[in-house]
């Protein structure tokens, strides 16, 4: 039996972050009720985003240009590379307007529960960047969770042959916290208070 279109609409909305079946149903009803002012403009924006937004071929950011506006900017500090898990984390750091270097999006954190394995991380492209560009420092801006620490250890081990200073954000970050949920002041303090990581033997 074919699934009812409204049920499918609610099911898709329910899969959005922070939503469940009840909130998905509530949002669906609101969009349908406000069809002229919200639903149709939103549908057009979604189509435009699908057509226009792409993943940066260098850092993994989302943008309308290729490479993204950060990678192509001549005003960025070309000596530092900030390693983050997701684009959400990149945008969170950019909101603080403190860090002026380059980024590299790993694409997640190692997690057996979520099925994220080493081969899912953007490490080959990271090594390619380090081979082609001389950075004096790589900053690990990963969440201070178990997954974040495991990922940091793994990536650091993968980079042990590169003569580059490795640092991490200071421990002012709450354990288990996600970068995207932290305020700009906390992120700025953590970034400015980063510490050097010792190379693992």
N, C-alpha and C. Protein backbone atom coordinates (compact mmCIF):
# COMPACT_ATOMS: atom_id res chain seq x y z
N UNK A 1 0.85 -1.20 0.00
CA UNK A 1 0.00 0.00 0.00
C UNK A 1 0.89 1.26 0.00
N UNK A 2 0.56 2.20 -0.89
CA UNK A 2 1.36 3.42 -0.99
C UNK A 2 1.19 4.29 0.25
N UNK A 3 2.31 4.83 0.70
CA UNK A 3 2.27 5.65 1.91
C UNK A 3 1.58 6.97 1.62
N UNK A 4 0.74 7.38 2.54
CA UNK A 4 0.02 8.65 2.43
C UNK A 4 1.03 9.79 2.34
N UNK A 5 0.80 10.74 1.43
CA UNK A 5 1.72 11.85 1.21
C UNK A 5 1.93 12.68 2.48
N UNK A 6 0.86 12.92 3.21
CA UNK A 6 0.97 13.69 4.45
C UNK A 6 1.79 12.93 5.49
N UNK A 7 1.58 11.64 5.57
CA UNK A 7 2.35 10.82 6.51
C UNK A 7 3.83 10.83 6.15
N UNK A 8 4.11 10.78 4.86
CA UNK A 8 5.50 10.83 4.41
C UNK A 8 6.13 12.18 4.72
N UNK A 9 5.36 13.26 4.54
CA UNK A 9 5.81 14.62 4.85
C UNK A 9 6.17 14.73 6.33
N UNK A 10 5.28 14.22 7.18
CA UNK A 10 5.51 14.26 8.63
C UNK A 10 6.73 13.42 9.01
N UNK A 11 6.85 12.26 8.39
CA UNK A 11 7.97 11.36 8.69
C UNK A 11 9.31 12.01 8.33
N UNK A 12 9.37 12.69 7.18
CA UNK A 12 10.61 13.35 6.77
C UNK A 12 10.96 14.50 7.71
N UNK A 13 9.94 15.28 8.10
CA UNK A 13 10.18 16.39 9.03
C UNK A 13 10.63 15.87 10.39
N UNK A 14 10.10 14.72 10.80
CA UNK A 14 10.43 14.14 12.11
C UNK A 14 11.88 13.71 12.20
N UNK A 15 12.53 13.52 11.06
CA UNK A 15 13.92 13.09 11.04
C UNK A 15 14.89 14.25 11.18
N UNK A 16 14.37 15.49 11.14
CA UNK A 16 15.24 16.65 11.32
C UNK A 16 15.76 16.70 12.75
N UNK A 17 17.00 17.21 12.95
CA UNK A 17 17.58 17.28 14.30
C UNK A 17 16.66 18.03 15.27
N UNK A 18 16.47 17.46 16.44
CA UNK A 18 15.65 18.10 17.46
C UNK A 18 14.16 17.87 17.33
N UNK A 19 13.76 17.18 16.27
CA UNK A 19 12.34 16.90 16.07
C UNK A 19 12.05 15.42 16.24
N UNK A 20 10.81 15.13 16.60
CA UNK A 20 10.34 13.75 16.69
C UNK A 20 8.99 13.68 16.01
N UNK A 21 8.28 12.56 16.14
CA UNK A 21 6.97 12.41 15.48
C UNK A 21 5.96 13.50 15.84
N UNK A 22 5.88 13.84 17.13
CA UNK A 22 4.89 14.85 17.55
C UNK A 22 5.25 16.24 17.03
N UNK A 23 6.52 16.62 17.21
CA UNK A 23 6.93 17.95 16.73
C UNK A 23 6.93 18.01 15.21
N UNK A 24 7.23 16.88 14.56
CA UNK A 24 7.17 16.82 13.10
C UNK A 24 5.75 17.03 12.60
N UNK A 25 4.80 16.43 13.29
CA UNK A 25 3.38 16.59 12.93
C UNK A 25 2.94 18.04 13.13
N UNK A 26 3.37 18.63 14.24
CA UNK A 26 3.01 20.02 14.54
C UNK A 26 3.59 20.97 13.49
N UNK A 27 4.86 20.72 13.10
CA UNK A 27 5.50 21.56 12.10
C UNK A 27 4.82 21.39 10.74
N UNK A 28 4.47 20.16 10.39
CA UNK A 28 3.80 19.90 9.11
C UNK A 28 2.47 20.66 9.04
N UNK A 29 1.70 20.61 10.11
CA UNK A 29 0.42 21.31 10.14
C UNK A 29 0.61 22.82 10.01
N UNK A 30 1.64 23.34 10.68
CA UNK A 30 1.91 24.78 10.62
C UNK A 30 2.30 25.19 9.19
N UNK A 31 3.15 24.39 8.55
CA UNK A 31 3.58 24.70 7.18
C UNK A 31 2.39 24.67 6.21
N UNK A 32 1.52 23.68 6.39
CA UNK A 32 0.36 23.57 5.51
C UNK A 32 -0.60 24.74 5.72
N UNK A 33 -0.76 25.12 6.98
CA UNK A 33 -1.65 26.24 7.30
C UNK A 33 -1.09 27.55 6.75
N UNK A 34 0.24 27.68 6.75
CA UNK A 34 0.89 28.89 6.24
C UNK A 34 1.51 28.62 4.87
N UNK A 35 0.74 27.98 4.02
CA UNK A 35 1.23 27.54 2.71
C UNK A 35 1.79 28.70 1.87
N UNK A 36 1.06 29.79 1.84
CA UNK A 36 1.43 30.92 0.98
C UNK A 36 2.67 31.64 1.50
N UNK A 37 2.72 31.88 2.81
CA UNK A 37 3.79 32.70 3.38
C UNK A 37 5.06 31.90 3.71
N UNK A 38 4.91 30.61 4.03
CA UNK A 38 6.07 29.84 4.49
C UNK A 38 6.37 28.62 3.62
N UNK A 39 5.37 27.78 3.40
CA UNK A 39 5.62 26.50 2.72
C UNK A 39 6.17 26.67 1.31
N UNK A 40 5.52 27.48 0.48
CA UNK A 40 5.97 27.62 -0.91
C UNK A 40 7.32 28.32 -1.01
N UNK A 41 7.55 29.44 -0.28
CA UNK A 41 8.89 30.05 -0.31
C UNK A 41 9.97 29.09 0.20
N UNK A 42 9.63 28.32 1.24
CA UNK A 42 10.59 27.36 1.79
C UNK A 42 10.91 26.28 0.77
N UNK A 43 9.89 25.79 0.06
CA UNK A 43 10.11 24.76 -0.96
C UNK A 43 11.05 25.28 -2.05
N UNK A 44 10.88 26.54 -2.44
CA UNK A 44 11.74 27.13 -3.47
C UNK A 44 13.16 27.28 -2.97
N UNK A 45 13.31 27.71 -1.71
CA UNK A 45 14.65 27.87 -1.12
C UNK A 45 15.35 26.52 -1.04
N UNK A 46 14.62 25.48 -0.67
CA UNK A 46 15.20 24.14 -0.58
C UNK A 46 15.73 23.68 -1.94
N UNK A 47 14.96 23.97 -2.99
CA UNK A 47 15.41 23.62 -4.34
C UNK A 47 16.65 24.41 -4.74
N UNK A 48 16.66 25.70 -4.38
CA UNK A 48 17.82 26.55 -4.71
C UNK A 48 19.07 26.08 -3.97
N UNK A 49 18.90 25.73 -2.69
CA UNK A 49 20.02 25.24 -1.89
C UNK A 49 20.56 23.94 -2.47
N UNK A 50 19.65 23.06 -2.85
CA UNK A 50 20.04 21.78 -3.43
C UNK A 50 20.87 21.99 -4.70
N UNK A 51 20.49 22.99 -5.48
CA UNK A 51 21.19 23.26 -6.74
C UNK A 51 22.50 24.02 -6.55
N UNK A 52 22.54 24.91 -5.57
CA UNK A 52 23.64 25.88 -5.48
C UNK A 52 24.71 25.57 -4.45
N UNK A 53 24.35 24.94 -3.34
CA UNK A 53 25.32 24.73 -2.26
C UNK A 53 26.11 23.46 -2.53
N UNK A 54 27.44 23.57 -2.39
CA UNK A 54 28.32 22.42 -2.64
C UNK A 54 29.33 22.30 -1.51
N UNK A 55 29.95 21.14 -1.42
CA UNK A 55 31.01 20.89 -0.44
C UNK A 55 32.34 21.38 -1.00
N UNK A 56 33.04 22.18 -0.22
CA UNK A 56 34.34 22.71 -0.66
C UNK A 56 35.31 21.57 -0.93
N UNK A 57 35.96 21.61 -2.07
CA UNK A 57 36.87 20.54 -2.47
C UNK A 57 38.17 20.54 -1.66
N UNK A 58 38.40 21.63 -0.91
CA UNK A 58 39.64 21.72 -0.13
C UNK A 58 39.40 21.39 1.34
N UNK A 59 38.47 22.11 1.98
CA UNK A 59 38.30 21.95 3.43
C UNK A 59 37.07 21.16 3.85
N UNK A 60 36.07 21.04 2.97
CA UNK A 60 34.85 20.32 3.33
C UNK A 60 33.73 21.19 3.83
N UNK A 61 33.91 22.51 3.80
CA UNK A 61 32.87 23.45 4.20
C UNK A 61 31.74 23.46 3.15
N UNK A 62 30.58 23.98 3.52
CA UNK A 62 29.48 24.17 2.57
C UNK A 62 29.46 25.63 2.13
N UNK A 63 29.35 25.86 0.83
CA UNK A 63 29.34 27.24 0.34
C UNK A 63 28.73 27.28 -1.05
N UNK A 64 28.53 28.50 -1.55
CA UNK A 64 27.98 28.70 -2.89
C UNK A 64 29.09 28.78 -3.94
N UNK A 65 30.34 28.91 -3.49
CA UNK A 65 31.47 29.02 -4.41
C UNK A 65 32.45 27.87 -4.18
N UNK A 66 33.26 27.60 -5.19
CA UNK A 66 34.22 26.51 -5.14
C UNK A 66 35.60 27.00 -5.56
N UNK A 67 36.63 26.96 -4.70
CA UNK A 67 36.56 26.57 -3.29
C UNK A 67 35.78 27.60 -2.46
N UNK A 68 35.52 27.27 -1.21
CA UNK A 68 34.69 28.13 -0.36
C UNK A 68 35.35 29.48 -0.10
N UNK A 69 34.57 30.42 0.43
CA UNK A 69 35.08 31.78 0.63
C UNK A 69 36.22 31.84 1.65
N UNK A 70 36.29 30.85 2.55
CA UNK A 70 37.37 30.83 3.54
C UNK A 70 38.67 30.39 2.87
N UNK A 71 38.61 29.29 2.12
CA UNK A 71 39.81 28.76 1.46
C UNK A 71 40.35 29.71 0.39
N UNK A 72 39.45 30.47 -0.24
CA UNK A 72 39.89 31.36 -1.32
C UNK A 72 40.26 32.76 -0.84
N UNK A 73 40.06 33.04 0.45
CA UNK A 73 40.36 34.37 0.97
C UNK A 73 41.87 34.58 1.11
N UNK A 74 42.32 35.77 0.70
CA UNK A 74 43.74 36.11 0.83
C UNK A 74 44.03 36.71 2.20
N UNK A 75 43.00 36.91 3.00
CA UNK A 75 43.16 37.53 4.32
C UNK A 75 43.27 36.51 5.45
N UNK A 76 43.25 35.23 5.13
CA UNK A 76 43.35 34.21 6.17
C UNK A 76 44.82 33.92 6.49
N UNK A 77 45.06 33.50 7.73
CA UNK A 77 46.40 33.11 8.17
C UNK A 77 46.71 31.74 7.55
N UNK A 78 47.71 31.70 6.68
CA UNK A 78 48.03 30.47 5.96
C UNK A 78 48.98 29.55 6.72
N UNK A 79 49.30 29.90 7.98
CA UNK A 79 50.24 29.08 8.75
C UNK A 79 49.55 28.10 9.69
N UNK A 80 48.25 28.30 9.94
CA UNK A 80 47.54 27.42 10.88
C UNK A 80 46.38 26.70 10.19
N UNK A 81 46.18 25.46 10.61
CA UNK A 81 45.09 24.63 10.09
C UNK A 81 44.31 24.09 11.27
N UNK A 82 43.02 24.40 11.32
CA UNK A 82 42.16 23.98 12.42
C UNK A 82 41.37 22.75 12.00
N UNK A 83 41.54 21.68 12.75
CA UNK A 83 40.88 20.41 12.44
C UNK A 83 39.59 20.31 13.23
N UNK A 84 38.45 20.23 12.52
CA UNK A 84 37.17 20.11 13.22
C UNK A 84 36.40 18.91 12.68
N UNK A 85 35.42 18.48 13.46
CA UNK A 85 34.67 17.27 13.10
C UNK A 85 33.64 17.54 12.01
N UNK A 86 32.89 18.64 12.14
CA UNK A 86 31.78 18.89 11.23
C UNK A 86 31.74 20.34 10.77
N UNK A 87 30.94 20.59 9.76
CA UNK A 87 30.74 21.96 9.27
C UNK A 87 30.09 22.81 10.36
N UNK A 88 29.22 22.20 11.18
CA UNK A 88 28.60 22.94 12.29
C UNK A 88 29.66 23.52 13.21
N UNK A 89 30.71 22.73 13.47
CA UNK A 89 31.80 23.20 14.33
C UNK A 89 32.58 24.33 13.66
N UNK A 90 32.77 24.22 12.36
CA UNK A 90 33.45 25.28 11.61
C UNK A 90 32.67 26.58 11.73
N UNK A 91 31.37 26.50 11.50
CA UNK A 91 30.54 27.71 11.59
C UNK A 91 30.52 28.27 13.00
N UNK A 92 30.57 27.41 14.00
CA UNK A 92 30.59 27.86 15.40
C UNK A 92 31.86 28.67 15.67
N UNK A 93 33.00 28.18 15.20
CA UNK A 93 34.26 28.91 15.39
C UNK A 93 34.28 30.21 14.60
N UNK A 94 33.70 30.20 13.41
CA UNK A 94 33.64 31.42 12.61
C UNK A 94 32.78 32.49 13.26
N UNK A 95 31.75 32.07 13.98
CA UNK A 95 30.89 33.04 14.68
C UNK A 95 31.69 33.83 15.71
N UNK A 96 32.69 33.18 16.32
CA UNK A 96 33.51 33.86 17.32
C UNK A 96 34.43 34.90 16.73
N UNK A 97 34.70 34.83 15.43
CA UNK A 97 35.54 35.81 14.71
C UNK A 97 36.92 35.99 15.35
N UNK A 98 37.43 34.92 15.97
CA UNK A 98 38.76 34.98 16.57
C UNK A 98 39.78 34.27 15.72
N UNK A 99 39.45 33.09 15.27
CA UNK A 99 40.37 32.29 14.48
C UNK A 99 40.37 32.77 13.03
N UNK A 100 41.55 33.00 12.47
CA UNK A 100 41.67 33.56 11.12
C UNK A 100 42.44 32.65 10.16
N UNK A 101 42.68 31.39 10.57
CA UNK A 101 43.43 30.48 9.72
C UNK A 101 42.53 29.64 8.83
N UNK A 102 43.06 28.51 8.38
CA UNK A 102 42.33 27.58 7.52
C UNK A 102 41.67 26.48 8.35
N UNK A 103 40.74 25.77 7.74
CA UNK A 103 40.03 24.67 8.40
C UNK A 103 40.18 23.39 7.60
N UNK A 104 39.93 22.28 8.30
CA UNK A 104 39.77 20.99 7.62
C UNK A 104 38.68 20.21 8.35
N UNK A 105 37.62 19.88 7.63
CA UNK A 105 36.48 19.16 8.21
C UNK A 105 36.73 17.66 8.09
N UNK A 106 36.78 16.98 9.23
CA UNK A 106 37.02 15.53 9.23
C UNK A 106 35.81 14.74 8.72
N UNK A 107 34.63 15.27 8.98
CA UNK A 107 33.42 14.56 8.56
C UNK A 107 32.81 13.72 9.66
N UNK A 108 33.21 13.96 10.90
CA UNK A 108 32.64 13.22 12.03
C UNK A 108 33.69 12.84 13.05
N UNK A 109 33.26 12.09 14.06
CA UNK A 109 34.15 11.58 15.10
C UNK A 109 34.05 10.07 15.12
N UNK A 110 35.15 9.41 15.40
CA UNK A 110 35.15 7.95 15.45
C UNK A 110 34.15 7.47 16.50
N UNK A 111 33.25 6.59 16.10
CA UNK A 111 32.22 6.10 17.01
C UNK A 111 31.69 4.76 16.52
N UNK A 112 31.92 3.72 17.31
CA UNK A 112 31.41 2.39 16.95
C UNK A 112 29.88 2.40 16.97
N UNK A 113 29.32 3.16 17.91
CA UNK A 113 27.86 3.23 18.04
C UNK A 113 27.21 3.85 16.81
N UNK A 114 27.83 4.91 16.28
CA UNK A 114 27.28 5.60 15.10
C UNK A 114 27.81 5.04 13.79
N UNK A 115 28.67 4.04 13.87
CA UNK A 115 29.21 3.43 12.66
C UNK A 115 30.23 4.27 11.92
N UNK A 116 30.88 5.21 12.64
CA UNK A 116 31.90 6.06 12.02
C UNK A 116 33.26 5.41 12.26
N UNK A 117 33.88 4.95 11.17
CA UNK A 117 35.17 4.26 11.24
C UNK A 117 36.26 5.14 10.62
N UNK A 118 37.52 4.78 10.83
CA UNK A 118 38.63 5.61 10.31
C UNK A 118 38.53 5.91 8.83
N UNK A 119 38.05 4.97 8.04
CA UNK A 119 37.96 5.20 6.59
C UNK A 119 36.90 6.23 6.21
N UNK A 120 36.03 6.59 7.17
CA UNK A 120 35.01 7.60 6.91
C UNK A 120 35.54 9.02 7.12
N UNK A 121 36.69 9.15 7.75
CA UNK A 121 37.24 10.47 8.04
C UNK A 121 38.06 10.98 6.86
N UNK A 122 38.09 12.30 6.71
CA UNK A 122 38.79 12.94 5.58
C UNK A 122 40.28 13.08 5.88
N UNK A 123 40.93 11.95 6.20
CA UNK A 123 42.35 11.97 6.52
C UNK A 123 43.22 11.98 5.25
N UNK A 124 42.86 11.22 4.20
CA UNK A 124 43.67 11.30 2.98
C UNK A 124 43.77 12.72 2.42
N UNK A 125 42.66 13.45 2.41
CA UNK A 125 42.70 14.83 1.91
C UNK A 125 43.47 15.74 2.86
N UNK A 126 43.46 15.42 4.17
CA UNK A 126 44.24 16.18 5.14
C UNK A 126 45.74 16.00 4.87
N UNK A 127 46.15 14.76 4.65
CA UNK A 127 47.56 14.48 4.35
C UNK A 127 47.98 15.15 3.05
N UNK A 128 47.08 15.15 2.08
CA UNK A 128 47.37 15.81 0.80
C UNK A 128 47.62 17.30 1.00
N UNK A 129 46.81 17.92 1.86
CA UNK A 129 46.99 19.35 2.15
C UNK A 129 48.33 19.60 2.83
N UNK A 130 48.68 18.72 3.77
CA UNK A 130 49.94 18.89 4.48
C UNK A 130 51.14 18.64 3.58
N UNK A 131 50.96 17.80 2.57
CA UNK A 131 52.02 17.54 1.59
C UNK A 131 52.22 18.74 0.66
N UNK A 132 51.12 19.43 0.37
CA UNK A 132 51.16 20.50 -0.62
C UNK A 132 51.33 21.89 -0.02
N UNK A 133 51.08 22.03 1.28
CA UNK A 133 51.13 23.36 1.90
C UNK A 133 51.88 23.26 3.23
N UNK A 134 52.71 24.23 3.51
CA UNK A 134 53.47 24.24 4.76
C UNK A 134 52.71 24.99 5.85
N UNK A 135 52.20 24.24 6.82
CA UNK A 135 51.55 24.84 7.99
C UNK A 135 52.50 24.72 9.17
N UNK A 136 52.52 25.73 10.01
CA UNK A 136 53.39 25.67 11.19
C UNK A 136 52.66 25.04 12.37
N UNK A 137 51.32 25.03 12.33
CA UNK A 137 50.55 24.49 13.45
C UNK A 137 49.23 23.91 12.96
N UNK A 138 48.88 22.78 13.55
CA UNK A 138 47.55 22.21 13.31
C UNK A 138 46.84 22.16 14.66
N UNK A 139 45.65 22.74 14.71
CA UNK A 139 44.88 22.84 15.95
C UNK A 139 43.77 21.81 15.94
N UNK A 140 43.75 20.95 16.95
CA UNK A 140 42.68 19.97 17.09
C UNK A 140 41.52 20.64 17.85
N UNK A 141 40.49 21.03 17.13
CA UNK A 141 39.31 21.65 17.75
C UNK A 141 38.17 20.63 17.76
N UNK A 142 38.41 19.53 18.46
CA UNK A 142 37.42 18.45 18.55
C UNK A 142 36.76 18.48 19.92
N UNK A 143 35.50 18.09 19.97
CA UNK A 143 34.76 18.10 21.23
C UNK A 143 35.47 17.23 22.27
N UNK A 144 35.49 17.69 23.53
CA UNK A 144 36.19 16.94 24.58
C UNK A 144 35.38 15.76 25.11
N UNK A 145 34.80 15.00 24.20
CA UNK A 145 34.06 13.79 24.54
C UNK A 145 34.98 12.59 24.33
N UNK A 146 34.53 11.41 24.71
CA UNK A 146 35.32 10.21 24.50
C UNK A 146 35.60 10.01 23.00
N UNK A 147 34.57 10.25 22.17
CA UNK A 147 34.73 10.12 20.72
C UNK A 147 35.72 11.15 20.18
N UNK A 148 35.65 12.38 20.72
CA UNK A 148 36.57 13.43 20.29
C UNK A 148 38.01 13.11 20.63
N UNK A 149 38.22 12.60 21.85
CA UNK A 149 39.58 12.25 22.27
C UNK A 149 40.12 11.06 21.48
N UNK A 150 39.26 10.07 21.24
CA UNK A 150 39.68 8.90 20.46
C UNK A 150 40.08 9.32 19.05
N UNK A 151 39.28 10.21 18.47
CA UNK A 151 39.56 10.70 17.12
C UNK A 151 40.86 11.49 17.09
N UNK A 152 41.07 12.33 18.10
CA UNK A 152 42.30 13.14 18.17
C UNK A 152 43.53 12.24 18.25
N UNK A 153 43.48 11.20 19.09
CA UNK A 153 44.61 10.27 19.21
C UNK A 153 44.88 9.57 17.88
N UNK A 154 43.80 9.15 17.22
CA UNK A 154 43.96 8.44 15.96
C UNK A 154 44.58 9.35 14.89
N UNK A 155 44.03 10.55 14.74
CA UNK A 155 44.53 11.47 13.71
C UNK A 155 45.97 11.87 14.01
N UNK A 156 46.25 12.12 15.28
CA UNK A 156 47.61 12.50 15.67
C UNK A 156 48.59 11.39 15.29
N UNK A 157 48.18 10.14 15.49
CA UNK A 157 49.04 9.01 15.13
C UNK A 157 49.26 8.96 13.61
N UNK A 158 48.21 9.32 12.84
CA UNK A 158 48.31 9.33 11.39
C UNK A 158 49.25 10.43 10.89
N UNK A 159 49.43 11.47 11.70
CA UNK A 159 50.25 12.61 11.29
C UNK A 159 51.63 12.62 11.93
N UNK A 160 52.01 11.51 12.55
CA UNK A 160 53.27 11.49 13.32
C UNK A 160 54.51 11.73 12.46
N UNK A 161 54.41 11.48 11.16
CA UNK A 161 55.58 11.68 10.28
C UNK A 161 55.68 13.11 9.74
N UNK A 162 54.71 13.94 10.09
CA UNK A 162 54.73 15.33 9.60
C UNK A 162 55.36 16.23 10.66
N UNK A 163 56.40 17.00 10.29
CA UNK A 163 57.06 17.89 11.26
C UNK A 163 56.24 19.16 11.49
N UNK A 164 55.18 19.04 12.23
CA UNK A 164 54.28 20.18 12.45
C UNK A 164 53.86 20.22 13.91
N UNK A 165 53.76 21.43 14.45
CA UNK A 165 53.30 21.57 15.84
C UNK A 165 51.82 21.25 15.93
N UNK A 166 51.47 20.42 16.89
CA UNK A 166 50.07 20.03 17.08
C UNK A 166 49.59 20.57 18.42
N UNK A 167 48.44 21.24 18.41
CA UNK A 167 47.87 21.77 19.65
C UNK A 167 46.39 21.41 19.70
N UNK A 168 45.80 21.58 20.87
CA UNK A 168 44.36 21.34 21.03
C UNK A 168 43.74 22.50 21.78
N UNK A 169 42.42 22.59 21.73
CA UNK A 169 41.74 23.63 22.50
C UNK A 169 41.95 23.38 23.98
N UNK A 170 41.94 24.44 24.78
CA UNK A 170 42.16 24.29 26.21
C UNK A 170 41.00 23.55 26.85
N UNK A 171 41.23 23.04 28.06
CA UNK A 171 40.20 22.25 28.73
C UNK A 171 39.14 23.11 29.40
N UNK A 172 39.00 24.35 28.98
CA UNK A 172 37.89 25.17 29.47
C UNK A 172 36.57 24.68 28.90
N UNK A 173 36.65 23.82 27.89
CA UNK A 173 35.44 23.27 27.31
C UNK A 173 34.85 22.21 28.23
N UNK A 174 33.52 22.16 28.37
CA UNK A 174 32.91 21.15 29.24
C UNK A 174 33.06 19.76 28.65
N UNK A 175 33.33 18.77 29.51
CA UNK A 175 33.46 17.40 29.06
C UNK A 175 32.13 16.94 28.44
N UNK A 176 32.23 16.32 27.29
CA UNK A 176 31.04 15.82 26.62
C UNK A 176 30.28 16.87 25.85
N UNK A 177 30.76 18.13 25.87
CA UNK A 177 30.05 19.21 25.18
C UNK A 177 30.31 19.20 23.69
N UNK A 178 29.39 19.77 22.94
CA UNK A 178 29.55 19.90 21.50
C UNK A 178 29.88 21.35 21.16
N UNK A 179 30.82 21.56 20.25
CA UNK A 179 31.27 22.92 19.93
C UNK A 179 30.13 23.80 19.45
N UNK A 180 29.21 23.22 18.68
CA UNK A 180 28.14 24.03 18.08
C UNK A 180 27.21 24.62 19.13
N UNK A 181 27.18 24.05 20.35
CA UNK A 181 26.27 24.54 21.39
C UNK A 181 26.93 25.51 22.35
N UNK A 182 28.22 25.77 22.15
CA UNK A 182 28.94 26.66 23.06
C UNK A 182 28.85 28.10 22.57
N UNK A 183 28.89 29.03 23.53
CA UNK A 183 28.84 30.44 23.16
C UNK A 183 30.19 30.89 22.62
N UNK A 184 30.18 32.03 21.92
CA UNK A 184 31.39 32.52 21.26
C UNK A 184 32.51 32.82 22.25
N UNK A 185 32.14 33.31 23.45
CA UNK A 185 33.15 33.64 24.46
C UNK A 185 33.92 32.41 24.92
N UNK A 186 33.19 31.31 25.17
CA UNK A 186 33.82 30.07 25.59
C UNK A 186 34.73 29.53 24.51
N UNK A 187 34.26 29.58 23.26
CA UNK A 187 35.08 29.10 22.14
C UNK A 187 36.34 29.93 21.96
N UNK A 188 36.19 31.26 22.11
CA UNK A 188 37.34 32.15 21.96
C UNK A 188 38.38 31.87 23.03
N UNK A 189 37.93 31.70 24.29
CA UNK A 189 38.83 31.40 25.39
C UNK A 189 39.55 30.08 25.16
N UNK A 190 38.80 29.08 24.71
CA UNK A 190 39.39 27.76 24.45
C UNK A 190 40.41 27.82 23.32
N UNK A 191 40.09 28.60 22.29
CA UNK A 191 41.00 28.71 21.15
C UNK A 191 42.28 29.43 21.55
N UNK A 192 42.13 30.52 22.29
CA UNK A 192 43.30 31.30 22.70
C UNK A 192 44.14 30.54 23.73
N UNK A 193 43.51 29.64 24.48
CA UNK A 193 44.21 28.89 25.52
C UNK A 193 44.65 27.51 25.07
N UNK A 194 44.72 27.29 23.75
CA UNK A 194 45.11 25.96 23.25
C UNK A 194 46.51 25.59 23.73
N UNK A 195 46.71 24.29 23.86
CA UNK A 195 48.00 23.79 24.36
C UNK A 195 48.61 22.84 23.34
N UNK A 196 49.93 22.76 23.38
CA UNK A 196 50.66 21.91 22.46
C UNK A 196 50.45 20.45 22.83
N UNK A 197 50.24 19.61 21.83
CA UNK A 197 50.11 18.18 22.04
C UNK A 197 51.44 17.50 21.79
N UNK A 198 51.80 16.59 22.67
CA UNK A 198 53.04 15.86 22.49
C UNK A 198 52.82 14.76 21.45
N UNK A 199 53.82 14.54 20.60
CA UNK A 199 53.72 13.47 19.60
C UNK A 199 53.73 12.13 20.31
N UNK A 200 52.83 11.24 19.88
CA UNK A 200 52.78 9.90 20.46
C UNK A 200 53.88 9.04 19.85
N UNK A 201 54.50 8.23 20.68
CA UNK A 201 55.60 7.36 20.20
C UNK A 201 55.02 6.05 19.68
